[in-house]
C-alpha cells in the first residue's frame, strides 16, 4: 500500500507536516513498515477548505486533520490491510 500526503503549499499551511508525523507514528505502532510506503506529493488536485489531502493507492481522501486522523487511518489503512 502506498500512502501519499500532499505537501503542496495549501496542504502545508493546513498541517500536512503534522499528518506526516501521525502517519509515521501509526505505521511504526502497528508494525506496518513492510506493508505501507509513505510518500510526499505536491498538489494531488483535490484541495479542500480544511484539512490535508491524502492518496491511499488510487483513492483520494480530502479534509484529513489531526482530529479525524485516527478514524481515517483505521478505516482506510488498517481496514484495507485487514488489520481491524
Protein backbone atom coordinates (compact mmCIF):
# COMPACT_ATOMS: atom_id res chain seq x y z
CA UNK A 1 0.00 0.00 0.00
CA UNK A 2 1.25 3.47 -0.87
CA UNK A 3 0.04 6.44 1.17
CA UNK A 4 0.87 9.82 -0.34
CA UNK A 5 0.50 13.03 1.64
CA UNK A 6 0.08 16.29 -0.21
CA UNK A 7 2.84 18.65 0.87
CA UNK A 8 1.94 21.40 -1.58
CA UNK A 9 1.58 24.95 -0.27
CA UNK A 10 -2.14 24.71 0.54
CA UNK A 11 -1.89 21.42 2.44
CA UNK A 12 1.35 22.54 4.07
CA UNK A 13 -0.50 25.50 5.55
CA UNK A 14 -3.29 23.16 6.71
CA UNK A 15 -0.94 20.89 8.66
CA UNK A 16 0.49 18.27 6.32
CA UNK A 17 3.65 18.13 8.46
CA UNK A 18 1.61 17.04 11.48
CA UNK A 19 -0.24 14.45 9.38
CA UNK A 20 3.09 13.05 8.16
CA UNK A 21 4.24 12.69 11.78
CA UNK A 22 0.97 10.96 12.76
CA UNK A 23 1.30 8.58 9.81
CA UNK A 24 4.90 7.72 10.65
CA UNK A 25 3.96 7.01 14.27
CA UNK A 26 0.88 4.95 13.36
CA UNK A 27 2.79 2.86 10.81
CA UNK A 28 5.51 2.18 13.41
CA UNK A 29 3.00 1.49 16.22
CA UNK A 30 1.23 -1.14 14.10
CA UNK A 31 4.50 -2.55 12.68
CA UNK A 32 3.38 -1.83 9.11
CA UNK A 33 6.77 -0.74 7.76
CA UNK A 34 6.83 -3.69 5.32
CA UNK A 35 3.23 -3.12 4.16
CA UNK A 36 2.89 0.66 3.92
CA UNK A 37 5.06 3.03 1.92
CA UNK A 38 4.75 6.68 2.91
CA UNK A 39 5.43 9.32 0.30
CA UNK A 40 5.04 13.04 -0.12
CA UNK A 41 3.39 14.54 -3.18
CA UNK A 42 2.93 18.02 -4.43
CA UNK A 43 -0.65 19.03 -5.17
CA UNK A 44 -2.88 15.99 -5.67
CA UNK A 45 -5.50 18.30 -7.17
CA UNK A 46 -8.34 17.93 -4.68
CA UNK A 47 -7.79 20.92 -2.41
CA UNK A 48 -10.36 21.33 0.33
CA UNK A 49 -11.17 24.27 2.58
CA UNK A 50 -9.81 22.46 5.61
CA UNK A 51 -7.52 19.55 6.18
CA UNK A 52 -4.94 17.76 4.12
CA UNK A 53 -5.37 15.62 1.00
CA UNK A 54 -4.03 12.06 1.10
CA UNK A 55 -3.97 9.33 -1.51
CA UNK A 56 -4.13 5.67 -0.48
CA UNK A 57 -3.19 3.63 -3.52
CA UNK A 58 -5.65 5.01 -6.13
CA UNK A 59 -8.19 6.52 -3.68
CA UNK A 60 -8.04 10.22 -2.77
CA UNK A 61 -9.22 11.45 0.64
CA UNK A 62 -9.65 15.12 1.50
CA UNK A 63 -10.03 17.04 4.73
CA UNK A 64 -7.74 14.93 6.90
CA UNK A 65 -6.93 16.73 10.16
CA UNK A 66 -5.27 15.78 13.43
CA UNK A 67 -8.77 15.44 14.88
CA UNK A 68 -10.05 12.89 12.32
CA UNK A 69 -6.73 11.20 11.56
CA UNK A 70 -7.34 8.13 13.73
CA UNK A 71 -10.70 7.47 12.06
CA UNK A 72 -9.09 7.89 8.61
CA UNK A 73 -6.18 5.56 9.48
CA UNK A 74 -8.44 2.88 10.93
CA UNK A 75 -10.85 2.90 8.00
CA UNK A 76 -8.59 3.43 5.01
CA UNK A 77 -5.31 1.85 6.10
CA UNK A 78 -5.86 -0.74 8.81
CA UNK A 79 -9.20 -1.93 7.46
CA UNK A 80 -7.86 -2.15 3.90
CA UNK A 81 -4.92 -4.21 5.15
CA UNK A 82 -7.24 -6.47 7.15
CA UNK A 83 -5.74 -5.37 10.48
CA UNK A 84 -9.02 -4.37 12.18
